[in-house]
Amino acid sequence: MRRVEANDPAATYQAGVICSKEGDYKGAAAYFTKAAGSGDISAHFDLSGMYREGEGVEKDEKKHLHHLEQAAISGHPNARHNLAIFEWKSGRAERTVKHFIIAANMGNDE
């Protein structure tokens, strides 16, 4: 916990993962929010899903997309893949293809 108290983003993210595994989604959201504020891309990705599903936070499409974009821009391949799916559902085929190509180049094989 000392590393979390020292604002270490990786430790803060891991504290959120532990909370999530234990079913404490509000606690997880708090840790992920703090880690995302320090630039942790996995925290942005996980927060995106939490805002999409309303787990530990109120459902919020704008926050879902914000965190998804932050993770994707920062190099999270699964976030880039999910962003492609979002674009597809929004009817933007050209952007969808671009995101899928970027995701594949980042190692996403879905």
Foldseek 3Di string as FASTA:
>chain_A
DVCVVVLPLVVLQVQLVVCVVVLNQLSSLVSLVSSVVVPDLVSLQVNLVCLCVVRSHDNDNVSNVVSLVSSVVVQDLVSLQVVLVVCVVVVNNVSSVVSPVSSVVSPDDD
